[in-house]
């Protein structure tokens, strides 16, 4: 009887430790996913900002002066 009780205690403690390991793994996975999502959002935001800046630079560069008149050529930038 004493042996069976001690084995029950050991099995319950191993269940508790394994569940805590599962919780830690789940928390780590969630944190990693959140960090990856944030990095992707930042990279996309920087790429969009650079594309807009490039489009503005191209639009400003395509101003042609013809016989004292300013002709603005609209440039469609496809990203």
PDB file of N, CA and C in Angstrom:
ATOM      1  N   UNK A   1       0.826  -1.200   0.000  1.00  0.00           N
ATOM      2  CA  UNK A   1       0.000   0.000   0.000  1.00  0.00           C
ATOM      3  C   UNK A   1       0.870   1.263   0.000  1.00  0.00           C
ATOM      4  N   UNK A   2       1.918   1.240   0.786  1.00  0.00           N
ATOM      5  CA  UNK A   2       2.780   2.410   0.861  1.00  0.00           C
ATOM      6  C   UNK A   2       3.432   2.665  -0.493  1.00  0.00           C
ATOM      7  N   UNK A   3       3.845   1.606  -1.144  1.00  0.00           N
ATOM      8  CA  UNK A   3       4.481   1.753  -2.455  1.00  0.00           C
ATOM      9  C   UNK A   3       3.494   2.317  -3.473  1.00  0.00           C
ATOM     10  N   UNK A   4       2.275   1.833  -3.444  1.00  0.00           N
ATOM     11  CA  UNK A   4       1.292   2.321  -4.418  1.00  0.00           C
ATOM     12  C   UNK A   4       0.970   3.789  -4.177  1.00  0.00           C
ATOM     13  N   UNK A   5       0.913   4.183  -2.918  1.00  0.00           N
ATOM     14  CA  UNK A   5       0.638   5.592  -2.631  1.00  0.00           C
ATOM     15  C   UNK A   5       1.784   6.476  -3.129  1.00  0.00           C
ATOM     16  N   UNK A   6       2.989   6.067  -2.885  1.00  0.00           N
ATOM     17  CA  UNK A   6       4.122   6.885  -3.330  1.00  0.00           C
ATOM     18  C   UNK A   6       4.183   6.937  -4.850  1.00  0.00           C
ATOM     19  N   UNK A   7       3.812   5.845  -5.506  1.00  0.00           N
ATOM     20  CA  UNK A   7       3.815   5.865  -6.966  1.00  0.00           C
ATOM     21  C   UNK A   7       2.709   6.780  -7.486  1.00  0.00           C
ATOM     22  N   UNK A   8       1.578   6.819  -6.791  1.00  0.00           N
ATOM     23  CA  UNK A   8       0.511   7.736  -7.191  1.00  0.00           C
ATOM     24  C   UNK A   8       0.958   9.183  -7.048  1.00  0.00           C
ATOM     25  N   UNK A   9       1.649   9.474  -5.973  1.00  0.00           N
ATOM     26  CA  UNK A   9       2.144  10.837  -5.771  1.00  0.00           C
ATOM     27  C   UNK A   9       3.144  11.204  -6.867  1.00  0.00           C
ATOM     28  N   UNK A  10       3.991  10.279  -7.197  1.00  0.00           N
ATOM     29  CA  UNK A  10       4.975  10.557  -8.247  1.00  0.00           C
ATOM     30  C   UNK A  10       4.293  10.771  -9.588  1.00  0.00           C
ATOM     31  N   UNK A  11       3.304   9.984  -9.900  1.00  0.00           N
ATOM     32  CA  UNK A  11       2.630  10.139 -11.186  1.00  0.00           C
ATOM     33  C   UNK A  11       1.879  11.463 -11.249  1.00  0.00           C
ATOM     34  N   UNK A  12       1.247  11.857 -10.145  1.00  0.00           N
ATOM     35  CA  UNK A  12       0.531  13.129 -10.154  1.00  0.00           C
ATOM     36  C   UNK A  12       1.513  14.290 -10.268  1.00  0.00           C
ATOM     37  N   UNK A  13       2.654  14.205  -9.616  1.00  0.00           N
ATOM     38  CA  UNK A  13       3.635  15.284  -9.728  1.00  0.00           C
ATOM     39  C   UNK A  13       4.228  15.331 -11.132  1.00  0.00           C
ATOM     40  N   UNK A  14       4.382  14.183 -11.774  1.00  0.00           N
ATOM     41  CA  UNK A  14       4.893  14.203 -13.146  1.00  0.00           C
ATOM     42  C   UNK A  14       3.860  14.792 -14.096  1.00  0.00           C
ATOM     43  N   UNK A  15       2.582  14.541 -13.813  1.00  0.00           N
ATOM     44  CA  UNK A  15       1.523  15.142 -14.630  1.00  0.00           C
ATOM     45  C   UNK A  15       1.541  16.659 -14.466  1.00  0.00           C
ATOM     46  N   UNK A  16       1.697  17.117 -13.228  1.00  0.00           N
ATOM     47  CA  UNK A  16       1.747  18.559 -12.979  1.00  0.00           C
ATOM     48  C   UNK A  16       2.948  19.173 -13.692  1.00  0.00           C
ATOM     49  N   UNK A  17       4.105  18.534 -13.602  1.00  0.00           N
ATOM     50  CA  UNK A  17       5.297  19.096 -14.230  1.00  0.00           C
ATOM     51  C   UNK A  17       5.160  19.076 -15.757  1.00  0.00           C
ATOM     52  N   UNK A  18       4.570  18.030 -16.309  1.00  0.00           N
ATOM     53  CA  UNK A  18       4.412  17.981 -17.759  1.00  0.00           C
ATOM     54  C   UNK A  18       3.402  19.029 -18.235  1.00  0.00           C
ATOM     55  N   UNK A  19       2.346  19.269 -17.452  1.00  0.00           N
ATOM     56  CA  UNK A  19       1.390  20.302 -17.846  1.00  0.00           C
ATOM     57  C   UNK A  19       2.017  21.686 -17.756  1.00  0.00           C
ATOM     58  N   UNK A  20       2.872  21.909 -16.777  1.00  0.00           N
ATOM     59  CA  UNK A  20       3.546  23.205 -16.684  1.00  0.00           C
ATOM     60  C   UNK A  20       4.517  23.385 -17.847  1.00  0.00           C
ATOM     61  N   UNK A  21       5.146  22.298 -18.281  1.00  0.00           N
ATOM     62  CA  UNK A  21       6.022  22.379 -19.446  1.00  0.00           C
ATOM     63  C   UNK A  21       5.201  22.730 -20.692  1.00  0.00           C
ATOM     64  N   UNK A  22       4.029  22.131 -20.813  1.00  0.00           N
ATOM     65  CA  UNK A  22       3.162  22.434 -21.956  1.00  0.00           C
ATOM     66  C   UNK A  22       2.743  23.899 -21.936  1.00  0.00           C
ATOM     67  N   UNK A  23       2.414  24.409 -20.767  1.00  0.00           N
ATOM     68  CA  UNK A  23       2.027  25.821 -20.652  1.00  0.00           C
ATOM     69  C   UNK A  23       3.189  26.722 -21.054  1.00  0.00           C
ATOM     70  N   UNK A  24       4.388  26.397 -20.600  1.00  0.00           N
ATOM     71  CA  UNK A  24       5.564  27.207 -20.939  1.00  0.00           C
ATOM     72  C   UNK A  24       5.810  27.168 -22.442  1.00  0.00           C
ATOM     73  N   UNK A  25       5.677  25.993 -23.042  1.00  0.00           N
ATOM     74  CA  UNK A  25       5.890  25.869 -24.491  1.00  0.00           C
ATOM     75  C   UNK A  25       4.850  26.679 -25.253  1.00  0.00           C
ATOM     76  N   UNK A  26       3.595  26.621 -24.819  1.00  0.00           N
ATOM     77  CA  UNK A  26       2.534  27.386 -25.485  1.00  0.00           C
ATOM     78  C   UNK A  26       2.805  28.881 -25.368  1.00  0.00           C
ATOM     79  N   UNK A  27       3.216  29.330 -24.196  1.00  0.00           N
ATOM     80  CA  UNK A  27       3.508  30.757 -24.005  1.00  0.00           C
ATOM     81  C   UNK A  27       4.670  31.186 -24.896  1.00  0.00           C
ATOM     82  N   UNK A  28       5.710  30.361 -24.974  1.00  0.00           N
ATOM     83  CA  UNK A  28       6.860  30.699 -25.820  1.00  0.00           C
ATOM     84  C   UNK A  28       6.445  30.765 -27.288  1.00  0.00           C
ATOM     85  N   UNK A  29       5.625  29.828 -27.734  1.00  0.00           N
ATOM     86  CA  UNK A  29       5.168  29.825 -29.128  1.00  0.00           C
ATOM     87  C   UNK A  29       4.333  31.061 -29.413  1.00  0.00           C
ATOM     88  N   UNK A  30       3.451  31.439 -28.498  1.00  0.00           N
ATOM     89  CA  UNK A  30       2.621  32.633 -28.699  1.00  0.00           C
ATOM     90  C   UNK A  30       3.494  33.882 -28.767  1.00  0.00           C
ATOM     91  N   UNK A  31       4.483  33.981 -27.903  1.00  0.00           N
ATOM     92  CA  UNK A  31       5.375  35.147 -27.909  1.00  0.00           C
ATOM     93  C   UNK A  31       6.150  35.210 -29.223  1.00  0.00           C
ATOM     94  N   UNK A  32       6.647  34.071 -29.696  1.00  0.00           N
ATOM     95  CA  UNK A  32       7.394  34.052 -30.953  1.00  0.00           C
ATOM     96  C   UNK A  32       6.495  34.461 -32.120  1.00  0.00           C
ATOM     97  N   UNK A  33       5.269  33.973 -32.143  1.00  0.00           N
ATOM     98  CA  UNK A  33       4.333  34.335 -33.225  1.00  0.00           C
ATOM     99  C   UNK A  33       4.034  35.831 -33.192  1.00  0.00           C
ATOM    100  N   UNK A  34       3.820  36.382 -32.015  1.00  0.00           N
ATOM    101  CA  UNK A  34       3.538  37.823 -31.905  1.00  0.00           C
ATOM    102  C   UNK A  34       4.737  38.638 -32.384  1.00  0.00           C
ATOM    103  N   UNK A  35       5.935  38.226 -32.005  1.00  0.00           N
ATOM    104  CA  UNK A  35       7.138  38.955 -32.433  1.00  0.00           C
ATOM    105  C   UNK A  35       7.286  38.891 -33.951  1.00  0.00           C
ATOM    106  N   UNK A  36       7.045  37.721 -34.542  1.00  0.00           N
ATOM    107  CA  UNK A  36       7.156  37.583 -36.000  1.00  0.00           C
ATOM    108  C   UNK A  36       6.126  38.461 -36.698  1.00  0.00           C
ATOM    109  N   UNK A  37       4.907  38.488 -36.184  1.00  0.00           N
ATOM    110  CA  UNK A  37       3.863  39.331 -36.789  1.00  0.00           C
ATOM    111  C   UNK A  37       4.238  40.801 -36.707  1.00  0.00           C
ATOM    112  N   UNK A  38       4.754  41.229 -35.578  1.00  0.00           N
ATOM    113  CA  UNK A  38       5.150  42.634 -35.422  1.00  0.00           C
ATOM    114  C   UNK A  38       6.280  42.977 -36.387  1.00  0.00           C
ATOM    115  N   UNK A  39       7.252  42.079 -36.521  1.00  0.00           N
ATOM    116  CA  UNK A  39       8.366  42.334 -37.443  1.00  0.00           C
ATOM    117  C   UNK A  39       7.859  42.427 -38.880  1.00  0.00           C
ATOM    118  N   UNK A  40       6.956  41.538 -39.263  1.00  0.00           N
ATOM    119  CA  UNK A  40       6.412  41.573 -40.631  1.00  0.00           C
ATOM    120  C   UNK A  40       5.648  42.867 -40.870  1.00  0.00           C
ATOM    121  N   UNK A  41       4.853  43.302 -39.896  1.00  0.00           N
ATOM    122  CA  UNK A  41       4.101  44.554 -40.048  1.00  0.00           C
ATOM    123  C   UNK A  41       5.051  45.739 -40.191  1.00  0.00           C
ATOM    124  N   UNK A  42       6.105  45.762 -39.412  1.00  0.00           N
ATOM    125  CA  UNK A  42       7.073  46.868 -39.494  1.00  0.00           C
ATOM    126  C   UNK A  42       7.771  46.860 -40.854  1.00  0.00           C
ATOM    127  N   UNK A  43       8.164  45.682 -41.327  1.00  0.00           N
ATOM    128  CA  UNK A  43       8.838  45.593 -42.628  1.00  0.00           C
ATOM    129  C   UNK A  43       7.908  46.052 -43.750  1.00  0.00           C
ATOM    130  N   UNK A  44       6.652  45.637 -43.698  1.00  0.00           N
ATOM    131  CA  UNK A  44       5.691  46.061 -44.720  1.00  0.00           C
ATOM    132  C   UNK A  44       5.464  47.574 -44.651  1.00  0.00           C
ATOM    133  N   UNK A  45       5.367  48.116 -43.450  1.00  0.00           N
ATOM    134  CA  UNK A  45       5.172  49.562 -43.311  1.00  0.00           C
ATOM    135  C   UNK A  45       6.361  50.334 -43.874  1.00  0.00           C
ATOM    136  N   UNK A  46       7.567  49.853 -43.614  1.00  0.00           N
ATOM    137  CA  UNK A  46       8.765  50.518 -44.151  1.00  0.00           C
ATOM    138  C   UNK A  46       8.786  50.414 -45.673  1.00  0.00           C
ATOM    139  N   UNK A  47       8.417  49.247 -46.199  1.00  0.00           N
ATOM    140  CA  UNK A  47       8.400  49.079 -47.656  1.00  0.00           C
ATOM    141  C   UNK A  47       7.381  50.017 -48.307  1.00  0.00           C
ATOM    142  N   UNK A  48       6.209  50.150 -47.698  1.00  0.00           N
ATOM    143  CA  UNK A  48       5.189  51.055 -48.242  1.00  0.00           C
ATOM    144  C   UNK A  48       5.661  52.503 -48.165  1.00  0.00           C
ATOM    145  N   UNK A  49       6.287  52.866 -47.063  1.00  0.00           N
ATOM    146  CA  UNK A  49       6.794  54.235 -46.924  1.00  0.00           C
ATOM    147  C   UNK A  49       7.862  54.526 -47.976  1.00  0.00           C
ATOM    148  N   UNK A  50       8.752  53.564 -48.222  1.00  0.00           N
ATOM    149  CA  UNK A  50       9.774  53.758 -49.251  1.00  0.00           C
ATOM    150  C   UNK A  50       9.160  53.840 -50.642  1.00  0.00           C
ATOM    151  N   UNK A  51       8.127  53.038 -50.896  1.00  0.00           N
ATOM    152  CA  UNK A  51       7.468  53.077 -52.199  1.00  0.00           C
ATOM    153  C   UNK A  51       6.780  54.421 -52.415  1.00  0.00           C
ATOM    154  N   UNK A  52       6.136  54.932 -51.378  1.00  0.00           N
ATOM    155  CA  UNK A  52       5.478  56.247 -51.487  1.00  0.00           C
ATOM    156  C   UNK A  52       6.522  57.339 -51.696  1.00  0.00           C
ATOM    157  N   UNK A  53       7.619  57.250 -50.976  1.00  0.00           N
ATOM    158  CA  UNK A  53       8.682  58.250 -51.143  1.00  0.00           C
ATOM    159  C   UNK A  53       9.262  58.192 -52.555  1.00  0.00           C
ATOM    160  N   UNK A  54       9.436  56.984 -53.074  1.00  0.00           N
ATOM    161  CA  UNK A  54       9.953  56.846 -54.442  1.00  0.00           C
ATOM    162  C   UNK A  54       8.958  57.402 -55.458  1.00  0.00           C
ATOM    163  N   UNK A  55       7.667  57.135 -55.243  1.00  0.00           N
ATOM    164  CA  UNK A  55       6.647  57.653 -56.159  1.00  0.00           C
ATOM    165  C   UNK A  55       6.620  59.181 -56.148  1.00  0.00           C
ATOM    166  N   UNK A  56       6.744  59.762 -54.958  1.00  0.00           N
ATOM    167  CA  UNK A  56       6.774  61.233 -54.855  1.00  0.00           C
ATOM    168  C   UNK A  56       8.015  61.786 -55.536  1.00  0.00           C
ATOM    169  N   UNK A  57       9.145  61.115 -55.346  1.00  0.00           N
ATOM    170  CA  UNK A  57      10.382  61.582 -55.981  1.00  0.00           C
ATOM    171  C   UNK A  57      10.277  61.510 -57.503  1.00  0.00           C
ATOM    172  N   UNK A  58       9.690  60.425 -58.012  1.00  0.00           N
ATOM    173  CA  UNK A  58       9.524  60.298 -59.464  1.00  0.00           C
ATOM    174  C   UNK A  58       8.563  61.365 -59.981  1.00  0.00           C
ATOM    175  N   UNK A  59       7.478  61.606 -59.251  1.00  0.00           N
ATOM    176  CA  UNK A  59       6.508  62.614 -59.683  1.00  0.00           C
ATOM    177  C   UNK A  59       7.125  64.006 -59.694  1.00  0.00           C
ATOM    178  N   UNK A  60       7.964  64.291 -58.718  1.00  0.00           N
ATOM    179  CA  UNK A  60       8.611  65.608 -58.674  1.00  0.00           C
ATOM    180  C   UNK A  60       9.659  65.719 -59.772  1.00  0.00           C
ATOM    181  N   UNK A  61      10.335  64.606 -60.073  1.00  0.00           N
ATOM    182  CA  UNK A  61      11.390  64.637 -61.087  1.00  0.00           C
ATOM    183  C   UNK A  61      10.831  64.776 -62.496  1.00  0.00           C
ATOM    184  N   UNK A  62       9.559  64.384 -62.682  1.00  0.00           N
ATOM    185  CA  UNK A  62       8.980  64.423 -64.026  1.00  0.00           C
ATOM    186  C   UNK A  62       8.193  65.707 -64.229  1.00  0.00           C
ATOM    187  N   UNK A  63       8.778  66.798 -63.849  1.00  0.00           N
ATOM    188  CA  UNK A  63       8.190  68.106 -64.143  1.00  0.00           C
ATOM    189  C   UNK A  63       9.029  68.708 -65.270  1.00  0.00           C
ATOM    190  N   UNK A  64       8.394  68.924 -66.412  1.00  0.00           N
ATOM    191  CA  UNK A  64       9.124  69.392 -67.594  1.00  0.00           C
ATOM    192  C   UNK A  64       8.753  70.849 -67.849  1.00  0.00           C
ATOM    193  N   UNK A  65       9.775  71.640 -68.049  1.00  0.00           N
ATOM    194  CA  UNK A  65       9.538  73.059 -68.356  1.00  0.00           C
ATOM    195  C   UNK A  65       9.632  73.228 -69.874  1.00  0.00           C
ATOM    196  N   UNK A  66       8.504  73.604 -70.468  1.00  0.00           N
ATOM    197  CA  UNK A  66       8.465  73.797 -71.924  1.00  0.00           C
ATOM    198  C   UNK A  66       7.975  75.215 -72.209  1.00  0.00           C
ATOM    199  N   UNK A  67       8.877  76.048 -72.773  1.00  0.00           N
ATOM    200  CA  UNK A  67       8.556  77.421 -73.170  1.00  0.00           C
ATOM    201  C   UNK A  67       7.823  78.181 -72.071  1.00  0.00           C
ATOM    202  N   UNK A  68       8.414  78.254 -70.928  1.00  0.00           N
ATOM    203  CA  UNK A  68       7.918  79.000 -69.781  1.00  0.00           C
ATOM    204  C   UNK A  68       6.614  78.456 -69.232  1.00  0.00           C
ATOM    205  N   UNK A  69       6.207  77.308 -69.672  1.00  0.00           N
ATOM    206  CA  UNK A  69       5.025  76.669 -69.107  1.00  0.00           C
ATOM    207  C   UNK A  69       5.470  75.379 -68.415  1.00  0.00           C
ATOM    208  N   UNK A  70       4.851  75.113 -67.289  1.00  0.00           N
ATOM    209  CA  UNK A  70       5.193  73.915 -66.532  1.00  0.00           C
ATOM    210  C   UNK A  70       4.185  72.838 -66.877  1.00  0.00           C
ATOM    211  N   UNK A  71       4.715  71.754 -67.425  1.00  0.00           N
ATOM    212  CA  UNK A  71       3.864  70.631 -67.781  1.00  0.00           C
ATOM    213  C   UNK A  71       4.160  69.507 -66.791  1.00  0.00           C
ATOM    214  N   UNK A  72       3.167  69.116 -66.059  1.00  0.00           N
ATOM    215  CA  UNK A  72       3.340  68.051 -65.070  1.00  0.00           C
ATOM    216  C   UNK A  72       2.844  66.752 -65.688  1.00  0.00           C
ATOM    217  N   UNK A  73       3.733  65.784 -65.743  1.00  0.00           N
ATOM    218  CA  UNK A  73       3.384  64.488 -66.288  1.00  0.00           C
ATOM    219  C   UNK A  73       3.055  63.571 -65.130  1.00  0.00           C
ATOM    220  N   UNK A  74       1.881  62.984 -65.197  1.00  0.00           N
ATOM    221  CA  UNK A  74       1.463  62.085 -64.130  1.00  0.00           C
ATOM    222  C   UNK A  74       2.046  60.705 -64.399  1.00  0.00           C
ATOM    223  N   UNK A  75       2.730  60.191 -63.421  1.00  0.00           N
ATOM    224  CA  UNK A  75       3.378  58.894 -63.565  1.00  0.00           C
ATOM    225  C   UNK A  75       2.656  57.906 -62.673  1.00  0.00           C
ATOM    226  N   UNK A  76       2.231  56.813 -63.255  1.00  0.00           N
ATOM    227  CA  UNK A  76       1.594  55.755 -62.467  1.00  0.00           C
ATOM    228  C   UNK A  76       2.675  54.770 -62.054  1.00  0.00           C
ATOM    229  N   UNK A  77       2.845  54.625 -60.764  1.00  0.00           N
ATOM    230  CA  UNK A  77       3.860  53.721 -60.248  1.00  0.00           C
ATOM    231  C   UNK A  77       3.168  52.434 -59.848  1.00  0.00           C
ATOM    232  N   UNK A  78       3.592  51.357 -60.445  1.00  0.00           N
ATOM    233  CA  UNK A  78       3.024  50.051 -60.119  1.00  0.00           C
ATOM    234  C   UNK A  78       4.013  49.321 -59.243  1.00  0.00           C
ATOM    235  N   UNK A  79       3.526  48.934 -58.073  1.00  0.00           N
ATOM    236  CA  UNK A  79       4.410  48.257 -57.116  1.00  0.00           C
ATOM    237  C   UNK A  79       4.122  46.769 -57.167  1.00  0.00           C
TER     238      UNK A  79
END
